Amino acid sequence: MEQTVYTQQRQQAYQQILEEIKVNAKRRNDFENAITEHIYRWWAQWKPDYEGWLQCADSLYAREAVIDAIGQEPQRYADYRRSMKGQRDAFDMDMGPIQTFVVEGNTVAFNYRMYMTPKMDMGALKKEKPWC
């Protein structure tokens, strides 16, 4: 797979998090540091194909996780998982680096940009023209 600028940014962010965890710069407890490392590692190893994504996502998201990404309303992980299949069938995707990240106890919140390129013309969205 071709390494994009986003792949490089995700991998750099992972290395920075490892350094931050080593000195516990954010004064997180062991669990918070472990989940932070897990998420950033997952991000650095993100897979653009649906099956590869499922392997990673199933280890990341809790069944009851609420995800606000596709559509007007937040979704439970099981519904999001199905929605992502449709998204990946219609678009080539590249995930930007994590922009903000908060972990407190057993709750994690983060945001990022997803870069999508339509696989076919879709009205105003044109085939192979990236869209964010």
N, C-alpha and C. Protein backbone atom coordinates (compact mmCIF):
# COMPACT_ATOMS: atom_id res chain seq x y z
N MET A 1 0.84 -1.18 0.00
CA MET A 1 0.00 0.00 0.00
C MET A 1 0.88 1.24 0.00
N GLU A 2 0.50 2.22 -0.77
CA GLU A 2 1.21 3.49 -0.86
C GLU A 2 1.11 4.24 0.47
N GLN A 3 2.23 4.79 0.91
CA GLN A 3 2.21 5.59 2.15
C GLN A 3 1.82 7.02 1.81
N THR A 4 0.74 7.47 2.41
CA THR A 4 0.28 8.83 2.20
C THR A 4 0.84 9.73 3.29
N VAL A 5 0.64 11.02 3.13
CA VAL A 5 1.05 11.97 4.15
C VAL A 5 0.31 11.67 5.45
N TYR A 6 -0.92 11.21 5.36
CA TYR A 6 -1.71 10.90 6.56
C TYR A 6 -1.16 9.67 7.27
N THR A 7 -0.71 8.68 6.49
CA THR A 7 -0.08 7.50 7.09
C THR A 7 1.15 7.93 7.88
N GLN A 8 1.95 8.78 7.29
CA GLN A 8 3.15 9.27 7.98
C GLN A 8 2.79 10.05 9.23
N GLN A 9 1.77 10.90 9.15
CA GLN A 9 1.35 11.68 10.32
C GLN A 9 0.82 10.78 11.43
N ARG A 10 0.07 9.74 11.06
CA ARG A 10 -0.44 8.81 12.08
C ARG A 10 0.70 8.08 12.76
N GLN A 11 1.69 7.66 12.00
CA GLN A 11 2.83 6.95 12.57
C GLN A 11 3.69 7.86 13.44
N GLN A 12 3.87 9.10 13.03
CA GLN A 12 4.62 10.07 13.85
C GLN A 12 3.89 10.33 15.16
N ALA A 13 2.58 10.47 15.10
CA ALA A 13 1.80 10.71 16.33
C ALA A 13 1.94 9.54 17.28
N TYR A 14 1.99 8.32 16.76
CA TYR A 14 2.16 7.14 17.60
C TYR A 14 3.52 7.19 18.31
N GLN A 15 4.56 7.54 17.58
CA GLN A 15 5.88 7.63 18.21
C GLN A 15 5.89 8.72 19.30
N GLN A 16 5.23 9.83 19.05
CA GLN A 16 5.16 10.90 20.05
C GLN A 16 4.40 10.44 21.29
N ILE A 17 3.33 9.68 21.10
CA ILE A 17 2.56 9.17 22.24
C ILE A 17 3.39 8.20 23.05
N LEU A 18 4.18 7.35 22.39
CA LEU A 18 5.03 6.42 23.12
C LEU A 18 6.00 7.17 24.03
N GLU A 19 6.56 8.27 23.53
CA GLU A 19 7.46 9.08 24.35
C GLU A 19 6.71 9.73 25.51
N GLU A 20 5.52 10.24 25.23
CA GLU A 20 4.70 10.87 26.26
C GLU A 20 4.34 9.87 27.36
N ILE A 21 4.01 8.65 26.96
CA ILE A 21 3.65 7.61 27.92
C ILE A 21 4.87 7.21 28.76
N LYS A 22 6.02 7.14 28.11
CA LYS A 22 7.23 6.72 28.81
C LYS A 22 7.51 7.61 30.02
N VAL A 23 7.27 8.91 29.89
CA VAL A 23 7.52 9.84 31.00
C VAL A 23 6.22 10.22 31.71
N ASN A 24 5.11 9.62 31.27
CA ASN A 24 3.78 9.90 31.81
C ASN A 24 3.51 11.40 31.90
N ALA A 25 3.75 12.08 30.78
CA ALA A 25 3.62 13.53 30.71
C ALA A 25 2.20 14.01 31.04
N LYS A 26 1.19 13.21 30.78
CA LYS A 26 -0.20 13.62 31.04
C LYS A 26 -0.71 13.09 32.38
N ARG A 27 0.16 12.43 33.13
CA ARG A 27 -0.18 11.89 34.46
C ARG A 27 -1.42 10.98 34.41
N ARG A 28 -1.42 10.11 33.43
CA ARG A 28 -2.51 9.14 33.30
C ARG A 28 -2.20 7.92 34.17
N ASN A 29 -3.25 7.19 34.57
CA ASN A 29 -3.01 5.94 35.29
C ASN A 29 -2.62 4.87 34.26
N ASP A 30 -2.26 3.68 34.74
CA ASP A 30 -1.77 2.62 33.84
C ASP A 30 -2.79 2.25 32.77
N PHE A 31 -4.07 2.13 33.16
CA PHE A 31 -5.10 1.79 32.19
C PHE A 31 -5.23 2.88 31.13
N GLU A 32 -5.25 4.13 31.55
CA GLU A 32 -5.40 5.24 30.61
C GLU A 32 -4.22 5.28 29.64
N ASN A 33 -3.00 5.03 30.14
CA ASN A 33 -1.83 4.97 29.26
C ASN A 33 -1.94 3.80 28.30
N ALA A 34 -2.41 2.65 28.78
CA ALA A 34 -2.54 1.47 27.92
C ALA A 34 -3.55 1.70 26.81
N ILE A 35 -4.70 2.29 27.13
CA ILE A 35 -5.72 2.51 26.10
C ILE A 35 -5.26 3.60 25.12
N THR A 36 -4.54 4.59 25.63
CA THR A 36 -3.99 5.63 24.74
C THR A 36 -3.03 5.00 23.75
N GLU A 37 -2.14 4.15 24.24
CA GLU A 37 -1.17 3.48 23.36
C GLU A 37 -1.91 2.62 22.35
N HIS A 38 -2.92 1.87 22.81
CA HIS A 38 -3.67 0.98 21.92
C HIS A 38 -4.33 1.76 20.79
N ILE A 39 -4.97 2.85 21.11
CA ILE A 39 -5.68 3.63 20.09
C ILE A 39 -4.70 4.25 19.09
N TYR A 40 -3.63 4.84 19.57
CA TYR A 40 -2.66 5.45 18.65
C TYR A 40 -1.95 4.40 17.81
N ARG A 41 -1.69 3.21 18.38
CA ARG A 41 -1.09 2.12 17.59
C ARG A 41 -2.07 1.70 16.50
N TRP A 42 -3.35 1.53 16.89
CA TRP A 42 -4.37 1.16 15.91
C TRP A 42 -4.41 2.20 14.79
N TRP A 43 -4.35 3.46 15.17
CA TRP A 43 -4.38 4.55 14.18
C TRP A 43 -3.19 4.45 13.24
N ALA A 44 -2.01 4.20 13.78
CA ALA A 44 -0.80 4.10 12.95
C ALA A 44 -0.87 2.92 11.99
N GLN A 45 -1.59 1.87 12.38
CA GLN A 45 -1.68 0.66 11.56
C GLN A 45 -3.01 0.57 10.81
N TRP A 46 -3.73 1.68 10.71
CA TRP A 46 -5.05 1.70 10.09
C TRP A 46 -5.04 1.02 8.72
N LYS A 47 -6.08 0.25 8.45
CA LYS A 47 -6.20 -0.49 7.20
C LYS A 47 -7.33 0.10 6.35
N PRO A 48 -7.06 0.38 5.08
CA PRO A 48 -8.11 0.97 4.24
C PRO A 48 -9.16 -0.04 3.78
N ASP A 49 -8.85 -1.33 3.80
CA ASP A 49 -9.85 -2.31 3.35
C ASP A 49 -10.81 -2.65 4.50
N TYR A 50 -12.02 -3.02 4.16
CA TYR A 50 -13.06 -3.24 5.16
C TYR A 50 -12.70 -4.37 6.13
N GLU A 51 -12.24 -5.49 5.61
CA GLU A 51 -11.91 -6.63 6.49
C GLU A 51 -10.76 -6.29 7.43
N GLY A 52 -9.75 -5.60 6.92
CA GLY A 52 -8.64 -5.16 7.78
C GLY A 52 -9.11 -4.19 8.84
N TRP A 53 -10.01 -3.29 8.44
CA TRP A 53 -10.57 -2.34 9.39
C TRP A 53 -11.37 -3.05 10.47
N LEU A 54 -12.18 -4.06 10.08
CA LEU A 54 -12.96 -4.79 11.07
C LEU A 54 -12.08 -5.42 12.14
N GLN A 55 -10.97 -6.02 11.73
CA GLN A 55 -10.08 -6.65 12.70
C GLN A 55 -9.60 -5.63 13.74
N CYS A 56 -9.22 -4.46 13.25
CA CYS A 56 -8.77 -3.41 14.17
C CYS A 56 -9.93 -2.83 14.96
N ALA A 57 -11.01 -2.49 14.29
CA ALA A 57 -12.13 -1.81 14.93
C ALA A 57 -12.78 -2.68 16.01
N ASP A 58 -12.88 -3.98 15.74
CA ASP A 58 -13.50 -4.86 16.73
C ASP A 58 -12.67 -4.92 18.02
N SER A 59 -11.38 -4.65 17.92
CA SER A 59 -10.54 -4.64 19.13
C SER A 59 -10.54 -3.27 19.80
N LEU A 60 -11.05 -2.28 19.12
CA LEU A 60 -11.02 -0.91 19.63
C LEU A 60 -12.35 -0.49 20.26
N TYR A 61 -13.43 -0.70 19.53
CA TYR A 61 -14.72 -0.18 19.97
C TYR A 61 -15.46 -1.19 20.85
N ALA A 62 -16.03 -0.71 21.93
CA ALA A 62 -16.92 -1.53 22.75
C ALA A 62 -18.24 -1.67 22.01
N ARG A 63 -18.95 -2.78 22.25
CA ARG A 63 -20.24 -3.00 21.59
C ARG A 63 -21.20 -1.84 21.82
N GLU A 64 -21.14 -1.23 23.00
CA GLU A 64 -22.06 -0.14 23.33
C GLU A 64 -21.48 1.24 23.00
N ALA A 65 -20.32 1.28 22.33
CA ALA A 65 -19.72 2.56 21.96
C ALA A 65 -20.68 3.38 21.11
N VAL A 66 -20.67 4.68 21.32
CA VAL A 66 -21.48 5.60 20.53
C VAL A 66 -20.52 6.35 19.62
N ILE A 67 -20.82 6.32 18.34
CA ILE A 67 -19.93 6.91 17.34
C ILE A 67 -20.73 7.94 16.55
N ASP A 68 -20.21 9.15 16.49
CA ASP A 68 -20.86 10.23 15.78
C ASP A 68 -20.04 10.51 14.52
N ALA A 69 -20.35 9.78 13.45
CA ALA A 69 -19.53 9.89 12.25
C ALA A 69 -20.33 9.86 10.96
N ILE A 70 -21.27 8.96 10.84
CA ILE A 70 -21.99 8.78 9.57
C ILE A 70 -23.46 9.12 9.79
N GLY A 71 -23.95 10.08 9.04
CA GLY A 71 -25.36 10.44 9.16
C GLY A 71 -25.60 11.52 10.20
N GLN A 72 -26.86 11.81 10.41
CA GLN A 72 -27.26 12.91 11.30
C GLN A 72 -27.23 12.53 12.77
N GLU A 73 -27.41 11.26 13.08
CA GLU A 73 -27.51 10.81 14.47
C GLU A 73 -26.33 9.92 14.84
N PRO A 74 -25.86 10.00 16.07
CA PRO A 74 -24.83 9.06 16.52
C PRO A 74 -25.34 7.63 16.41
N GLN A 75 -24.42 6.69 16.25
CA GLN A 75 -24.78 5.28 16.09
C GLN A 75 -24.08 4.42 17.14
N ARG A 76 -24.69 3.31 17.51
CA ARG A 76 -24.01 2.28 18.29
C ARG A 76 -23.01 1.60 17.35
N TYR A 77 -21.99 1.00 17.94
CA TYR A 77 -20.93 0.40 17.11
C TYR A 77 -21.46 -0.59 16.08
N ALA A 78 -22.40 -1.47 16.43
CA ALA A 78 -22.90 -2.46 15.47
C ALA A 78 -23.50 -1.79 14.23
N ASP A 79 -24.22 -0.71 14.43
CA ASP A 79 -24.81 0.02 13.29
C ASP A 79 -23.73 0.75 12.50
N TYR A 80 -22.78 1.33 13.21
CA TYR A 80 -21.66 2.03 12.56
C TYR A 80 -20.87 1.05 11.69
N ARG A 81 -20.66 -0.13 12.21
CA ARG A 81 -19.92 -1.17 11.50
C ARG A 81 -20.58 -1.45 10.14
N ARG A 82 -21.92 -1.59 10.15
CA ARG A 82 -22.65 -1.83 8.89
C ARG A 82 -22.56 -0.61 7.98
N SER A 83 -22.67 0.59 8.54
CA SER A 83 -22.58 1.81 7.74
C SER A 83 -21.22 1.93 7.06
N MET A 84 -20.18 1.52 7.77
CA MET A 84 -18.83 1.61 7.20
C MET A 84 -18.66 0.72 5.99
N LYS A 85 -19.37 -0.40 5.94
CA LYS A 85 -19.30 -1.26 4.76
C LYS A 85 -19.77 -0.50 3.54
N GLY A 86 -20.89 0.19 3.66
CA GLY A 86 -21.40 0.99 2.54
C GLY A 86 -20.45 2.12 2.17
N GLN A 87 -19.89 2.77 3.19
CA GLN A 87 -18.94 3.85 2.93
C GLN A 87 -17.71 3.33 2.18
N ARG A 88 -17.20 2.21 2.60
CA ARG A 88 -15.99 1.66 1.96
C ARG A 88 -16.28 1.10 0.57
N ASP A 89 -17.50 0.68 0.32
CA ASP A 89 -17.86 0.25 -1.04
C ASP A 89 -17.93 1.45 -1.98
N ALA A 90 -18.30 2.62 -1.48
CA ALA A 90 -18.49 3.80 -2.32
C ALA A 90 -17.26 4.70 -2.41
N PHE A 91 -16.38 4.63 -1.40
CA PHE A 91 -15.24 5.56 -1.34
C PHE A 91 -13.94 4.84 -1.02
N ASP A 92 -12.85 5.35 -1.57
CA ASP A 92 -11.52 5.04 -1.06
C ASP A 92 -11.33 5.98 0.11
N MET A 93 -10.74 5.48 1.20
CA MET A 93 -10.64 6.29 2.41
C MET A 93 -9.21 6.36 2.91
N ASP A 94 -8.91 7.48 3.53
CA ASP A 94 -7.64 7.65 4.24
C ASP A 94 -7.96 8.42 5.51
N MET A 95 -7.50 7.93 6.61
CA MET A 95 -7.80 8.54 7.90
C MET A 95 -6.69 9.49 8.28
N GLY A 96 -7.08 10.73 8.60
CA GLY A 96 -6.12 11.70 9.09
C GLY A 96 -5.69 11.37 10.51
N PRO A 97 -4.69 12.08 11.01
CA PRO A 97 -4.24 11.83 12.38
C PRO A 97 -5.30 12.29 13.39
N ILE A 98 -5.20 11.78 14.59
CA ILE A 98 -6.09 12.20 15.67
C ILE A 98 -5.80 13.66 15.95
N GLN A 99 -6.85 14.48 15.96
CA GLN A 99 -6.67 15.92 16.19
C GLN A 99 -6.77 16.27 17.67
N THR A 100 -7.73 15.69 18.36
CA THR A 100 -7.84 15.87 19.80
C THR A 100 -8.13 14.50 20.41
N PHE A 101 -7.65 14.33 21.64
CA PHE A 101 -7.77 13.03 22.31
C PHE A 101 -7.90 13.27 23.80
N VAL A 102 -8.93 12.66 24.39
CA VAL A 102 -9.14 12.77 25.83
C VAL A 102 -9.43 11.37 26.35
N VAL A 103 -8.73 10.99 27.41
CA VAL A 103 -9.03 9.73 28.08
C VAL A 103 -9.18 10.03 29.56
N GLU A 104 -10.26 9.52 30.12
CA GLU A 104 -10.50 9.71 31.55
C GLU A 104 -11.19 8.47 32.07
N GLY A 105 -10.51 7.77 32.95
CA GLY A 105 -11.08 6.52 33.45
C GLY A 105 -11.23 5.54 32.30
N ASN A 106 -12.45 5.00 32.10
CA ASN A 106 -12.67 4.05 31.01
C ASN A 106 -13.39 4.68 29.82
N THR A 107 -13.34 6.00 29.72
CA THR A 107 -13.98 6.71 28.62
C THR A 107 -12.93 7.42 27.77
N VAL A 108 -13.07 7.26 26.46
CA VAL A 108 -12.16 7.90 25.52
C VAL A 108 -13.00 8.68 24.51
N ALA A 109 -12.55 9.87 24.20
CA ALA A 109 -13.18 10.66 23.14
C ALA A 109 -12.07 11.24 22.27
N PHE A 110 -12.27 11.20 20.97
CA PHE A 110 -11.27 11.77 20.06
C PHE A 110 -11.95 12.16 18.77
N ASN A 111 -11.27 13.03 18.04
CA ASN A 111 -11.79 13.38 16.72
C ASN A 111 -10.65 13.41 15.72
N TYR A 112 -11.04 13.29 14.47
CA TYR A 112 -10.09 13.21 13.36
C TYR A 112 -10.86 13.53 12.08
N ARG A 113 -10.14 13.67 11.00
CA ARG A 113 -10.77 13.86 9.69
C ARG A 113 -10.59 12.59 8.88
N MET A 114 -11.63 12.26 8.14
CA MET A 114 -11.57 11.13 7.21
C MET A 114 -11.56 11.72 5.81
N TYR A 115 -10.60 11.31 5.01
CA TYR A 115 -10.48 11.79 3.64
C TYR A 115 -11.04 10.72 2.71
N MET A 116 -12.03 11.11 1.93
CA MET A 116 -12.76 10.16 1.11
C MET A 116 -12.69 10.55 -0.36
N THR A 117 -12.47 9.55 -1.21
CA THR A 117 -12.44 9.76 -2.65
C THR A 117 -13.48 8.84 -3.28
N PRO A 118 -14.50 9.42 -3.93
CA PRO A 118 -15.55 8.59 -4.52
C PRO A 118 -14.99 7.61 -5.56
N LYS A 119 -15.51 6.40 -5.55
CA LYS A 119 -15.10 5.40 -6.53
C LYS A 119 -15.89 5.56 -7.83
N MET A 120 -16.96 6.38 -7.79
CA MET A 120 -17.77 6.65 -8.98
C MET A 120 -18.37 8.05 -8.82
N ASP A 121 -18.83 8.63 -9.91
CA ASP A 121 -19.51 9.93 -9.81
C ASP A 121 -20.75 9.78 -8.95
N MET A 122 -20.92 10.75 -8.03
CA MET A 122 -22.06 10.72 -7.11
C MET A 122 -22.61 12.14 -7.02
N GLY A 123 -23.28 12.60 -8.04
CA GLY A 123 -23.79 13.96 -8.05
C GLY A 123 -22.64 14.95 -8.06
N ALA A 124 -22.60 15.81 -7.04
CA ALA A 124 -21.54 16.82 -6.95
C ALA A 124 -20.17 16.20 -6.66
N LEU A 125 -20.16 15.00 -6.11
CA LEU A 125 -18.90 14.30 -5.83
C LEU A 125 -18.47 13.55 -7.08
N LYS A 126 -17.26 13.83 -7.54
CA LYS A 126 -16.78 13.24 -8.78
C LYS A 126 -15.74 12.16 -8.52
N LYS A 127 -15.80 11.13 -9.33
CA LYS A 127 -14.90 10.00 -9.21
C LYS A 127 -13.45 10.46 -9.13
N GLU A 128 -12.74 9.93 -8.15
CA GLU A 128 -11.31 10.14 -7.94
C GLU A 128 -10.94 11.57 -7.56
N LYS A 129 -11.91 12.40 -7.14
CA LYS A 129 -11.63 13.74 -6.62
C LYS A 129 -11.83 13.69 -5.12
N PRO A 130 -10.74 13.80 -4.33
CA PRO A 130 -10.85 13.68 -2.86
C PRO A 130 -11.86 14.64 -2.26
N TRP A 131 -12.47 14.19 -1.16
CA TRP A 131 -13.47 14.95 -0.45
C TRP A 131 -13.25 14.71 1.03
N CYS A 132 -13.34 15.77 1.82
CA CYS A 132 -13.13 15.65 3.26
C CYS A 132 -14.38 16.07 3.97
